Amino acid sequence: MFKELDPLLHSQLRLAIMSLLLGVEEADFVFLKEKTEATSGNLSVQIDKLQEAGYIEVTKTFQGKMPRTVCKITDKGILAFQVYARDLKTYFKELNTENREKGGDVLSN
């Protein structure tokens, strides 16, 4: 019936980070902060969690005297995202099945 969703990806900010990283080769902290509109502290904590899980690689360097953090999704992260998306679809499929049996459509309610 319903698949268990990856709790690490079920967080709105972590899901946003992963979604952004899927579409680019890599992204720096400033880009992720601007796109997600997260605070620096919260974004940093969520990046650490994704890195600890092996979903992203984080490289910290300096550009002149300024620190630069660059994130890149890993193969493990891509697979986890694909599984999460597939499992999430089971919720919609089940809901559509129930609504069709009642003569409706999930999108029309």
PDB file of N, CA and C in Angstrom:
ATOM      1  N   MET A   1       0.841  -1.182   0.000  1.00  0.00           N
ATOM      2  CA  MET A   1       0.000   0.000   0.000  1.00  0.00           C
ATOM      3  C   MET A   1       0.891   1.253   0.000  1.00  0.00           C
ATOM      4  N   PHE A   2       1.043   1.904   1.137  1.00  0.00           N
ATOM      5  CA  PHE A   2       1.879   3.100   1.193  1.00  0.00           C
ATOM      6  C   PHE A   2       3.307   2.719   1.537  1.00  0.00           C
ATOM      7  N   LYS A   3       4.256   3.301   0.819  1.00  0.00           N
ATOM      8  CA  LYS A   3       5.671   3.075   1.083  1.00  0.00           C
ATOM      9  C   LYS A   3       6.129   4.058   2.155  1.00  0.00           C
ATOM     10  N   GLU A   4       7.093   3.630   2.960  1.00  0.00           N
ATOM     11  CA  GLU A   4       7.667   4.537   3.949  1.00  0.00           C
ATOM     12  C   GLU A   4       8.564   5.538   3.229  1.00  0.00           C
ATOM     13  N   LEU A   5       8.367   6.819   3.529  1.00  0.00           N
ATOM     14  CA  LEU A   5       9.158   7.864   2.890  1.00  0.00           C
ATOM     15  C   LEU A   5      10.434   8.111   3.686  1.00  0.00           C
ATOM     16  N   ASP A   6      11.520   8.369   2.975  1.00  0.00           N
ATOM     17  CA  ASP A   6      12.812   8.670   3.589  1.00  0.00           C
ATOM     18  C   ASP A   6      12.662   9.925   4.452  1.00  0.00           C
ATOM     19  N   PRO A   7      12.771   9.801   5.775  1.00  0.00           N
ATOM     20  CA  PRO A   7      12.572  10.971   6.638  1.00  0.00           C
ATOM     21  C   PRO A   7      13.609  12.068   6.398  1.00  0.00           C
ATOM     22  N   LEU A   8      14.776  11.695   5.918  1.00  0.00           N
ATOM     23  CA  LEU A   8      15.805  12.691   5.645  1.00  0.00           C
ATOM     24  C   LEU A   8      15.389  13.596   4.482  1.00  0.00           C
ATOM     25  N   LEU A   9      14.722  13.030   3.495  1.00  0.00           N
ATOM     26  CA  LEU A   9      14.296  13.816   2.342  1.00  0.00           C
ATOM     27  C   LEU A   9      12.918  14.435   2.533  1.00  0.00           C
ATOM     28  N   HIS A  10      12.206  14.013   3.546  1.00  0.00           N
ATOM     29  CA  HIS A  10      10.841  14.502   3.739  1.00  0.00           C
ATOM     30  C   HIS A  10      10.805  15.899   4.365  1.00  0.00           C
ATOM     31  N   SER A  11      11.962  16.415   4.741  1.00  0.00           N
ATOM     32  CA  SER A  11      12.065  17.780   5.245  1.00  0.00           C
ATOM     33  C   SER A  11      12.005  18.736   4.049  1.00  0.00           C
ATOM     34  N   GLN A  12      11.229  19.794   4.172  1.00  0.00           N
ATOM     35  CA  GLN A  12      11.043  20.720   3.057  1.00  0.00           C
ATOM     36  C   GLN A  12      12.365  21.313   2.572  1.00  0.00           C
ATOM     37  N   LEU A  13      13.216  21.751   3.484  1.00  0.00           N
ATOM     38  CA  LEU A  13      14.462  22.382   3.076  1.00  0.00           C
ATOM     39  C   LEU A  13      15.432  21.367   2.476  1.00  0.00           C
ATOM     40  N   ARG A  14      15.550  20.188   3.073  1.00  0.00           N
ATOM     41  CA  ARG A  14      16.454  19.177   2.509  1.00  0.00           C
ATOM     42  C   ARG A  14      15.959  18.715   1.143  1.00  0.00           C
ATOM     43  N   LEU A  15      14.649  18.591   0.983  1.00  0.00           N
ATOM     44  CA  LEU A  15      14.089  18.217  -0.313  1.00  0.00           C
ATOM     45  C   LEU A  15      14.383  19.300  -1.353  1.00  0.00           C
ATOM     46  N   ALA A  16      14.286  20.556  -0.951  1.00  0.00           N
ATOM     47  CA  ALA A  16      14.588  21.667  -1.868  1.00  0.00           C
ATOM     48  C   ALA A  16      16.061  21.651  -2.273  1.00  0.00           C
ATOM     49  N   ILE A  17      16.937  21.412  -1.322  1.00  0.00           N
ATOM     50  CA  ILE A  17      18.373  21.348  -1.621  1.00  0.00           C
ATOM     51  C   ILE A  17      18.648  20.240  -2.628  1.00  0.00           C
ATOM     52  N   MET A  18      18.099  19.068  -2.366  1.00  0.00           N
ATOM     53  CA  MET A  18      18.313  17.931  -3.260  1.00  0.00           C
ATOM     54  C   MET A  18      17.742  18.214  -4.648  1.00  0.00           C
ATOM     55  N   SER A  19      16.576  18.812  -4.707  1.00  0.00           N
ATOM     56  CA  SER A  19      15.943  19.134  -5.997  1.00  0.00           C
ATOM     57  C   SER A  19      16.817  20.099  -6.792  1.00  0.00           C
ATOM     58  N   LEU A  20      17.357  21.093  -6.126  1.00  0.00           N
ATOM     59  CA  LEU A  20      18.227  22.054  -6.802  1.00  0.00           C
ATOM     60  C   LEU A  20      19.506  21.380  -7.297  1.00  0.00           C
ATOM     61  N   LEU A  21      20.088  20.523  -6.467  1.00  0.00           N
ATOM     62  CA  LEU A  21      21.338  19.871  -6.835  1.00  0.00           C
ATOM     63  C   LEU A  21      21.161  18.874  -7.978  1.00  0.00           C
ATOM     64  N   LEU A  22      19.977  18.334  -8.130  1.00  0.00           N
ATOM     65  CA  LEU A  22      19.716  17.420  -9.249  1.00  0.00           C
ATOM     66  C   LEU A  22      19.835  18.126 -10.594  1.00  0.00           C
ATOM     67  N   GLY A  23      19.549  19.406 -10.610  1.00  0.00           N
ATOM     68  CA  GLY A  23      19.520  20.146 -11.862  1.00  0.00           C
ATOM     69  C   GLY A  23      20.819  20.843 -12.241  1.00  0.00           C
ATOM     70  N   VAL A  24      21.833  20.734 -11.374  1.00  0.00           N
ATOM     71  CA  VAL A  24      23.107  21.402 -11.647  1.00  0.00           C
ATOM     72  C   VAL A  24      24.257  20.448 -11.339  1.00  0.00           C
ATOM     73  N   GLU A  25      25.419  20.751 -11.894  1.00  0.00           N
ATOM     74  CA  GLU A  25      26.589  19.920 -11.600  1.00  0.00           C
ATOM     75  C   GLU A  25      27.018  20.099 -10.143  1.00  0.00           C
ATOM     76  N   GLU A  26      26.973  21.346  -9.677  1.00  0.00           N
ATOM     77  CA  GLU A  26      27.284  21.679  -8.294  1.00  0.00           C
ATOM     78  C   GLU A  26      26.679  23.039  -7.995  1.00  0.00           C
ATOM     79  N   ALA A  27      26.550  23.351  -6.711  1.00  0.00           N
ATOM     80  CA  ALA A  27      25.985  24.640  -6.325  1.00  0.00           C
ATOM     81  C   ALA A  27      26.684  25.128  -5.065  1.00  0.00           C
ATOM     82  N   ASP A  28      26.938  26.421  -5.027  1.00  0.00           N
ATOM     83  CA  ASP A  28      27.565  26.936  -3.816  1.00  0.00           C
ATOM     84  C   ASP A  28      26.505  27.359  -2.808  1.00  0.00           C
ATOM     85  N   PHE A  29      26.980  27.590  -1.597  1.00  0.00           N
ATOM     86  CA  PHE A  29      26.109  27.902  -0.470  1.00  0.00           C
ATOM     87  C   PHE A  29      25.239  29.122  -0.762  1.00  0.00           C
ATOM     88  N   VAL A  30      25.827  30.141  -1.362  1.00  0.00           N
ATOM     89  CA  VAL A  30      25.091  31.381  -1.649  1.00  0.00           C
ATOM     90  C   VAL A  30      23.919  31.103  -2.590  1.00  0.00           C
ATOM     91  N   PHE A  31      24.168  30.314  -3.635  1.00  0.00           N
ATOM     92  CA  PHE A  31      23.106  29.946  -4.583  1.00  0.00           C
ATOM     93  C   PHE A  31      21.978  29.212  -3.858  1.00  0.00           C
ATOM     94  N   LEU A  32      22.333  28.212  -3.049  1.00  0.00           N
ATOM     95  CA  LEU A  32      21.318  27.438  -2.326  1.00  0.00           C
ATOM     96  C   LEU A  32      20.547  28.325  -1.346  1.00  0.00           C
ATOM     97  N   LYS A  33      21.241  29.221  -0.690  1.00  0.00           N
ATOM     98  CA  LYS A  33      20.593  30.128   0.266  1.00  0.00           C
ATOM     99  C   LYS A  33      19.598  31.038  -0.454  1.00  0.00           C
ATOM    100  N   GLU A  34      20.004  31.578  -1.597  1.00  0.00           N
ATOM    101  CA  GLU A  34      19.112  32.459  -2.356  1.00  0.00           C
ATOM    102  C   GLU A  34      17.885  31.711  -2.866  1.00  0.00           C
ATOM    103  N   LYS A  35      18.086  30.523  -3.409  1.00  0.00           N
ATOM    104  CA  LYS A  35      16.982  29.763  -3.996  1.00  0.00           C
ATOM    105  C   LYS A  35      16.017  29.226  -2.941  1.00  0.00           C
ATOM    106  N   THR A  36      16.535  28.819  -1.795  1.00  0.00           N
ATOM    107  CA  THR A  36      15.668  28.234  -0.764  1.00  0.00           C
ATOM    108  C   THR A  36      15.116  29.275   0.202  1.00  0.00           C
ATOM    109  N   GLU A  37      15.735  30.455   0.210  1.00  0.00           N
ATOM    110  CA  GLU A  37      15.371  31.523   1.140  1.00  0.00           C
ATOM    111  C   GLU A  37      15.516  31.079   2.594  1.00  0.00           C
ATOM    112  N   ALA A  38      16.442  30.164   2.847  1.00  0.00           N
ATOM    113  CA  ALA A  38      16.703  29.677   4.198  1.00  0.00           C
ATOM    114  C   ALA A  38      17.711  30.592   4.893  1.00  0.00           C
ATOM    115  N   THR A  39      17.722  30.535   6.213  1.00  0.00           N
ATOM    116  CA  THR A  39      18.751  31.253   6.947  1.00  0.00           C
ATOM    117  C   THR A  39      20.069  30.497   6.787  1.00  0.00           C
ATOM    118  N   SER A  40      21.161  31.188   6.958  1.00  0.00           N
ATOM    119  CA  SER A  40      22.484  30.556   6.832  1.00  0.00           C
ATOM    120  C   SER A  40      22.631  29.400   7.818  1.00  0.00           C
ATOM    121  N   GLY A  41      22.197  29.607   9.048  1.00  0.00           N
ATOM    122  CA  GLY A  41      22.324  28.572  10.075  1.00  0.00           C
ATOM    123  C   GLY A  41      21.520  27.329   9.746  1.00  0.00           C
ATOM    124  N   ASN A  42      20.273  27.511   9.354  1.00  0.00           N
ATOM    125  CA  ASN A  42      19.418  26.365   9.033  1.00  0.00           C
ATOM    126  C   ASN A  42      19.933  25.629   7.801  1.00  0.00           C
ATOM    127  N   LEU A  43      20.330  26.379   6.788  1.00  0.00           N
ATOM    128  CA  LEU A  43      20.857  25.755   5.572  1.00  0.00           C
ATOM    129  C   LEU A  43      22.109  24.944   5.891  1.00  0.00           C
ATOM    130  N   SER A  44      22.981  25.492   6.706  1.00  0.00           N
ATOM    131  CA  SER A  44      24.211  24.809   7.081  1.00  0.00           C
ATOM    132  C   SER A  44      23.921  23.488   7.797  1.00  0.00           C
ATOM    133  N   VAL A  45      22.979  23.503   8.720  1.00  0.00           N
ATOM    134  CA  VAL A  45      22.603  22.293   9.460  1.00  0.00           C
ATOM    135  C   VAL A  45      22.039  21.234   8.512  1.00  0.00           C
ATOM    136  N   GLN A  46      21.188  21.639   7.583  1.00  0.00           N
ATOM    137  CA  GLN A  46      20.561  20.685   6.663  1.00  0.00           C
ATOM    138  C   GLN A  46      21.581  20.123   5.670  1.00  0.00           C
ATOM    139  N   ILE A  47      22.516  20.948   5.231  1.00  0.00           N
ATOM    140  CA  ILE A  47      23.595  20.470   4.357  1.00  0.00           C
ATOM    141  C   ILE A  47      24.426  19.428   5.094  1.00  0.00           C
ATOM    142  N   ASP A  48      24.734  19.695   6.362  1.00  0.00           N
ATOM    143  CA  ASP A  48      25.499  18.727   7.159  1.00  0.00           C
ATOM    144  C   ASP A  48      24.779  17.387   7.251  1.00  0.00           C
ATOM    145  N   LYS A  49      23.457  17.425   7.458  1.00  0.00           N
ATOM    146  CA  LYS A  49      22.684  16.177   7.555  1.00  0.00           C
ATOM    147  C   LYS A  49      22.719  15.391   6.245  1.00  0.00           C
ATOM    148  N   LEU A  50      22.589  16.093   5.137  1.00  0.00           N
ATOM    149  CA  LEU A  50      22.639  15.422   3.831  1.00  0.00           C
ATOM    150  C   LEU A  50      24.032  14.864   3.556  1.00  0.00           C
ATOM    151  N   GLN A  51      25.046  15.592   3.982  1.00  0.00           N
ATOM    152  CA  GLN A  51      26.420  15.115   3.799  1.00  0.00           C
ATOM    153  C   GLN A  51      26.680  13.879   4.664  1.00  0.00           C
ATOM    154  N   GLU A  52      26.238  13.909   5.914  1.00  0.00           N
ATOM    155  CA  GLU A  52      26.424  12.766   6.811  1.00  0.00           C
ATOM    156  C   GLU A  52      25.751  11.510   6.265  1.00  0.00           C
ATOM    157  N   ALA A  53      24.645  11.681   5.573  1.00  0.00           N
ATOM    158  CA  ALA A  53      23.928  10.546   4.981  1.00  0.00           C
ATOM    159  C   ALA A  53      24.589  10.068   3.697  1.00  0.00           C
ATOM    160  N   GLY A  54      25.539  10.841   3.182  1.00  0.00           N
ATOM    161  CA  GLY A  54      26.193  10.483   1.925  1.00  0.00           C
ATOM    162  C   GLY A  54      25.410  10.895   0.693  1.00  0.00           C
ATOM    163  N   TYR A  55      24.401  11.739   0.876  1.00  0.00           N
ATOM    164  CA  TYR A  55      23.564  12.178  -0.241  1.00  0.00           C
ATOM    165  C   TYR A  55      24.217  13.297  -1.046  1.00  0.00           C
ATOM    166  N   ILE A  56      25.085  14.080  -0.395  1.00  0.00           N
ATOM    167  CA  ILE A  56      25.797  15.142  -1.087  1.00  0.00           C
ATOM    168  C   ILE A  56      27.263  15.153  -0.645  1.00  0.00           C
ATOM    169  N   GLU A  57      28.103  15.705  -1.513  1.00  0.00           N
ATOM    170  CA  GLU A  57      29.498  15.960  -1.174  1.00  0.00           C
ATOM    171  C   GLU A  57      29.630  17.458  -0.952  1.00  0.00           C
ATOM    172  N   VAL A  58      30.397  17.830   0.055  1.00  0.00           N
ATOM    173  CA  VAL A  58      30.609  19.240   0.364  1.00  0.00           C
ATOM    174  C   VAL A  58      32.102  19.536   0.316  1.00  0.00           C
ATOM    175  N   THR A  59      32.442  20.565  -0.433  1.00  0.00           N
ATOM    176  CA  THR A  59      33.828  21.003  -0.535  1.00  0.00           C
ATOM    177  C   THR A  59      33.913  22.430  -0.015  1.00  0.00           C
ATOM    178  N   LYS A  60      34.813  22.650   0.945  1.00  0.00           N
ATOM    179  CA  LYS A  60      34.993  23.994   1.509  1.00  0.00           C
ATOM    180  C   LYS A  60      36.363  24.509   1.098  1.00  0.00           C
ATOM    181  N   THR A  61      36.358  25.657   0.445  1.00  0.00           N
ATOM    182  CA  THR A  61      37.588  26.286  -0.014  1.00  0.00           C
ATOM    183  C   THR A  61      37.528  27.774   0.324  1.00  0.00           C
ATOM    184  N   PHE A  62      38.535  28.485  -0.137  1.00  0.00           N
ATOM    185  CA  PHE A  62      38.538  29.938  -0.009  1.00  0.00           C
ATOM    186  C   PHE A  62      38.664  30.541  -1.396  1.00  0.00           C
ATOM    187  N   GLN A  63      37.911  31.592  -1.615  1.00  0.00           N
ATOM    188  CA  GLN A  63      38.004  32.370  -2.845  1.00  0.00           C
ATOM    189  C   GLN A  63      38.538  33.729  -2.391  1.00  0.00           C
ATOM    190  N   GLY A  64      39.848  33.883  -2.550  1.00  0.00           N
ATOM    191  CA  GLY A  64      40.503  35.030  -1.926  1.00  0.00           C
ATOM    192  C   GLY A  64      40.491  34.797  -0.424  1.00  0.00           C
ATOM    193  N   LYS A  65      39.923  35.725   0.320  1.00  0.00           N
ATOM    194  CA  LYS A  65      39.816  35.567   1.773  1.00  0.00           C
ATOM    195  C   LYS A  65      38.435  35.090   2.208  1.00  0.00           C
ATOM    196  N   MET A  66      37.562  34.902   1.230  1.00  0.00           N
ATOM    197  CA  MET A  66      36.182  34.517   1.541  1.00  0.00           C
ATOM    198  C   MET A  66      36.008  32.994   1.475  1.00  0.00           C
ATOM    199  N   PRO A  67      35.375  32.409   2.496  1.00  0.00           N
ATOM    200  CA  PRO A  67      35.114  30.969   2.435  1.00  0.00           C
ATOM    201  C   PRO A  67      34.053  30.656   1.369  1.00  0.00           C
ATOM    202  N   ARG A  68      34.200  29.507   0.747  1.00  0.00           N
ATOM    203  CA  ARG A  68      33.238  29.087  -0.279  1.00  0.00           C
ATOM    204  C   ARG A  68      32.900  27.625  -0.042  1.00  0.00           C
ATOM    205  N   THR A  69      31.621  27.347   0.092  1.00  0.00           N
ATOM    206  CA  THR A  69      31.132  25.986   0.287  1.00  0.00           C
ATOM    207  C   THR A  69      30.389  25.568  -0.971  1.00  0.00           C
ATOM    208  N   VAL A  70      30.805  24.434  -1.552  1.00  0.00           N
ATOM    209  CA  VAL A  70      30.195  23.942  -2.782  1.00  0.00           C
ATOM    210  C   VAL A  70      29.612  22.552  -2.509  1.00  0.00           C
ATOM    211  N   CYS A  71      28.392  22.336  -2.957  1.00  0.00           N
ATOM    212  CA  CYS A  71      27.698  21.068  -2.750  1.00  0.00           C
ATOM    213  C   CYS A  71      27.443  20.386  -4.083  1.00  0.00           C
ATOM    214  N   LYS A  72      27.528  19.067  -4.052  1.00  0.00           N
ATOM    215  CA  LYS A  72      27.276  18.261  -5.251  1.00  0.00           C
ATOM    216  C   LYS A  72      26.539  17.003  -4.820  1.00  0.00           C
ATOM    217  N   ILE A  73      25.499  16.648  -5.556  1.00  0.00           N
ATOM    218  CA  ILE A  73      24.748  15.443  -5.224  1.00  0.00           C
ATOM    219  C   ILE A  73      25.573  14.205  -5.593  1.00  0.00           C
ATOM    220  N   THR A  74      25.481  13.169  -4.779  1.00  0.00           N
ATOM    221  CA  THR A  74      26.210  11.924  -5.033  1.00  0.00           C
ATOM    222  C   THR A  74      25.292  10.923  -5.728  1.00  0.00           C
ATOM    223  N   ASP A  75      25.882   9.831  -6.198  1.00  0.00           N
ATOM    224  CA  ASP A  75      25.071   8.759  -6.787  1.00  0.00           C
ATOM    225  C   ASP A  75      24.078   8.221  -5.761  1.00  0.00           C
ATOM    226  N   LYS A  76      24.527   8.098  -4.524  1.00  0.00           N
ATOM    227  CA  LYS A  76      23.641   7.633  -3.447  1.00  0.00           C
ATOM    228  C   LYS A  76      22.483   8.616  -3.258  1.00  0.00           C
ATOM    229  N   GLY A  77      22.779   9.912  -3.357  1.00  0.00           N
ATOM    230  CA  GLY A  77      21.749  10.936  -3.219  1.00  0.00           C
ATOM    231  C   GLY A  77      20.745  10.903  -4.360  1.00  0.00           C
ATOM    232  N   ILE A  78      21.245  10.685  -5.567  1.00  0.00           N
ATOM    233  CA  ILE A  78      20.354  10.579  -6.733  1.00  0.00           C
ATOM    234  C   ILE A  78      19.419   9.390  -6.565  1.00  0.00           C
ATOM    235  N   LEU A  79      19.972   8.262  -6.162  1.00  0.00           N
ATOM    236  CA  LEU A  79      19.156   7.067  -5.962  1.00  0.00           C
ATOM    237  C   LEU A  79      18.122   7.291  -4.855  1.00  0.00           C
ATOM    238  N   ALA A  80      18.547   7.889  -3.751  1.00  0.00           N
ATOM    239  CA  ALA A  80      17.624   8.156  -2.644  1.00  0.00           C
ATOM    240  C   ALA A  80      16.489   9.060  -3.097  1.00  0.00           C
ATOM    241  N   PHE A  81      16.807  10.071  -3.912  1.00  0.00           N
ATOM    242  CA  PHE A  81      15.782  10.984  -4.415  1.00  0.00           C
ATOM    243  C   PHE A  81      14.814  10.251  -5.341  1.00  0.00           C
ATOM    244  N   GLN A  82      15.345   9.405  -6.210  1.00  0.00           N
ATOM    245  CA  GLN A  82      14.495   8.637  -7.124  1.00  0.00           C
ATOM    246  C   GLN A  82      13.556   7.709  -6.357  1.00  0.00           C
ATOM    247  N   VAL A  83      14.083   7.046  -5.342  1.00  0.00           N
ATOM    248  CA  VAL A  83      13.261   6.151  -4.518  1.00  0.00           C
ATOM    249  C   VAL A  83      12.193   6.962  -3.776  1.00  0.00           C
ATOM    250  N   TYR A  84      12.586   8.114  -3.240  1.00  0.00           N
ATOM    251  CA  TYR A  84      11.639   8.978  -2.528  1.00  0.00           C
ATOM    252  C   TYR A  84      10.501   9.398  -3.460  1.00  0.00           C
ATOM    253  N   ALA A  85      10.850   9.835  -4.665  1.00  0.00           N
ATOM    254  CA  ALA A  85       9.831  10.268  -5.629  1.00  0.00           C
ATOM    255  C   ALA A  85       8.915   9.113  -6.002  1.00  0.00           C
ATOM    256  N   ARG A  86       9.494   7.944  -6.238  1.00  0.00           N
ATOM    257  CA  ARG A  86       8.692   6.756  -6.584  1.00  0.00           C
ATOM    258  C   ARG A  86       7.746   6.402  -5.443  1.00  0.00           C
ATOM    259  N   ASP A  87       8.259   6.404  -4.226  1.00  0.00           N
ATOM    260  CA  ASP A  87       7.437   6.049  -3.078  1.00  0.00           C
ATOM    261  C   ASP A  87       6.350   7.082  -2.814  1.00  0.00           C
ATOM    262  N   LEU A  88       6.665   8.350  -3.039  1.00  0.00           N
ATOM    263  CA  LEU A  88       5.661   9.401  -2.860  1.00  0.00           C
ATOM    264  C   LEU A  88       4.508   9.231  -3.846  1.00  0.00           C
ATOM    265  N   LYS A  89       4.824   8.772  -5.053  1.00  0.00           N
ATOM    266  CA  LYS A  89       3.784   8.548  -6.064  1.00  0.00           C
ATOM    267  C   LYS A  89       2.766   7.509  -5.605  1.00  0.00           C
ATOM    268  N   THR A  90       3.169   6.571  -4.749  1.00  0.00           N
ATOM    269  CA  THR A  90       2.219   5.559  -4.281  1.00  0.00           C
ATOM    270  C   THR A  90       1.088   6.202  -3.479  1.00  0.00           C
ATOM    271  N   TYR A  91       1.380   7.312  -2.817  1.00  0.00           N
ATOM    272  CA  TYR A  91       0.344   8.002  -2.053  1.00  0.00           C
ATOM    273  C   TYR A  91      -0.700   8.589  -2.994  1.00  0.00           C
ATOM    274  N   PHE A  92      -0.241   9.186  -4.095  1.00  0.00           N
ATOM    275  CA  PHE A  92      -1.170   9.767  -5.060  1.00  0.00           C
ATOM    276  C   PHE A  92      -1.945   8.678  -5.800  1.00  0.00           C
ATOM    277  N   LYS A  93      -1.263   7.606  -6.117  1.00  0.00           N
ATOM    278  CA  LYS A  93      -1.914   6.502  -6.814  1.00  0.00           C
ATOM    279  C   LYS A  93      -3.047   5.936  -5.958  1.00  0.00           C
ATOM    280  N   GLU A  94      -2.759   5.735  -4.677  1.00  0.00           N
ATOM    281  CA  GLU A  94      -3.773   5.199  -3.764  1.00  0.00           C
ATOM    282  C   GLU A  94      -4.936   6.178  -3.623  1.00  0.00           C
ATOM    283  N   LEU A  95      -4.630   7.455  -3.508  1.00  0.00           N
ATOM    284  CA  LEU A  95      -5.665   8.481  -3.373  1.00  0.00           C
ATOM    285  C   LEU A  95      -6.520   8.545  -4.635  1.00  0.00           C
ATOM    286  N   ASN A  96      -5.885   8.496  -5.807  1.00  0.00           N
ATOM    287  CA  ASN A  96      -6.635   8.508  -7.066  1.00  0.00           C
ATOM    288  C   ASN A  96      -7.542   7.294  -7.184  1.00  0.00           C
ATOM    289  N   THR A  97      -7.048   6.130  -6.768  1.00  0.00           N
ATOM    290  CA  THR A  97      -7.845   4.900  -6.820  1.00  0.00           C
ATOM    291  C   THR A  97      -9.083   5.037  -5.939  1.00  0.00           C
ATOM    292  N   GLU A  98      -8.889   5.543  -4.722  1.00  0.00           N
ATOM    293  CA  GLU A  98     -10.020   5.714  -3.802  1.00  0.00           C
ATOM    294  C   GLU A  98     -11.024   6.718  -4.355  1.00  0.00           C
ATOM    295  N   ASN A  99     -10.546   7.816  -4.914  1.00  0.00           N
ATOM    296  CA  ASN A  99     -11.447   8.841  -5.444  1.00  0.00           C
ATOM    297  C   ASN A  99     -12.197   8.353  -6.684  1.00  0.00           C
ATOM    298  N   ARG A 100     -11.519   7.591  -7.534  1.00  0.00           N
ATOM    299  CA  ARG A 100     -12.188   7.049  -8.721  1.00  0.00           C
ATOM    300  C   ARG A 100     -13.315   6.113  -8.315  1.00  0.00           C
ATOM    301  N   GLU A 101     -13.075   5.346  -7.256  1.00  0.00           N
ATOM    302  CA  GLU A 101     -14.121   4.435  -6.770  1.00  0.00           C
ATOM    303  C   GLU A 101     -15.325   5.218  -6.277  1.00  0.00           C
ATOM    304  N   LYS A 102     -15.091   6.438  -5.833  1.00  0.00           N
ATOM    305  CA  LYS A 102     -16.179   7.302  -5.354  1.00  0.00           C
ATOM    306  C   LYS A 102     -16.722   8.193  -6.464  1.00  0.00           C
ATOM    307  N   GLY A 103     -16.145   8.052  -7.675  1.00  0.00           N
ATOM    308  CA  GLY A 103     -16.618   8.826  -8.817  1.00  0.00           C
ATOM    309  C   GLY A 103     -15.965  10.186  -8.971  1.00  0.00           C
ATOM    310  N   GLY A 104     -14.860  10.423  -8.266  1.00  0.00           N
ATOM    311  CA  GLY A 104     -14.190  11.730  -8.351  1.00  0.00           C
ATOM    312  C   GLY A 104     -12.764  11.606  -8.840  1.00  0.00           C
ATOM    313  N   ASP A 105     -12.069  12.707  -8.757  1.00  0.00           N
ATOM    314  CA  ASP A 105     -10.657  12.766  -9.147  1.00  0.00           C
ATOM    315  C   ASP A 105      -9.944  13.585  -8.111  1.00  0.00           C
ATOM    316  N   VAL A 106      -8.759  13.159  -7.708  1.00  0.00           N
ATOM    317  CA  VAL A 106      -8.021  13.857  -6.660  1.00  0.00           C
ATOM    318  C   VAL A 106      -7.759  15.305  -7.031  1.00  0.00           C
ATOM    319  N   LEU A 107      -7.562  15.609  -8.287  1.00  0.00           N
ATOM    320  CA  LEU A 107      -7.249  16.968  -8.691  1.00  0.00           C
ATOM    321  C   LEU A 107      -8.494  17.855  -8.814  1.00  0.00           C
ATOM    322  N   SER A 108      -9.667  17.277  -8.876  1.00  0.00           N
ATOM    323  CA  SER A 108     -10.860  18.087  -9.032  1.00  0.00           C
ATOM    324  C   SER A 108     -11.534  18.393  -7.701  1.00  0.00           C
ATOM    325  N   ASN A 109     -11.014  17.839  -6.636  1.00  0.00           N
ATOM    326  CA  ASN A 109     -11.620  18.101  -5.296  1.00  0.00           C
ATOM    327  C   ASN A 109     -10.943  19.237  -4.617  1.00  0.00           C
TER     328      ASN A 109
END
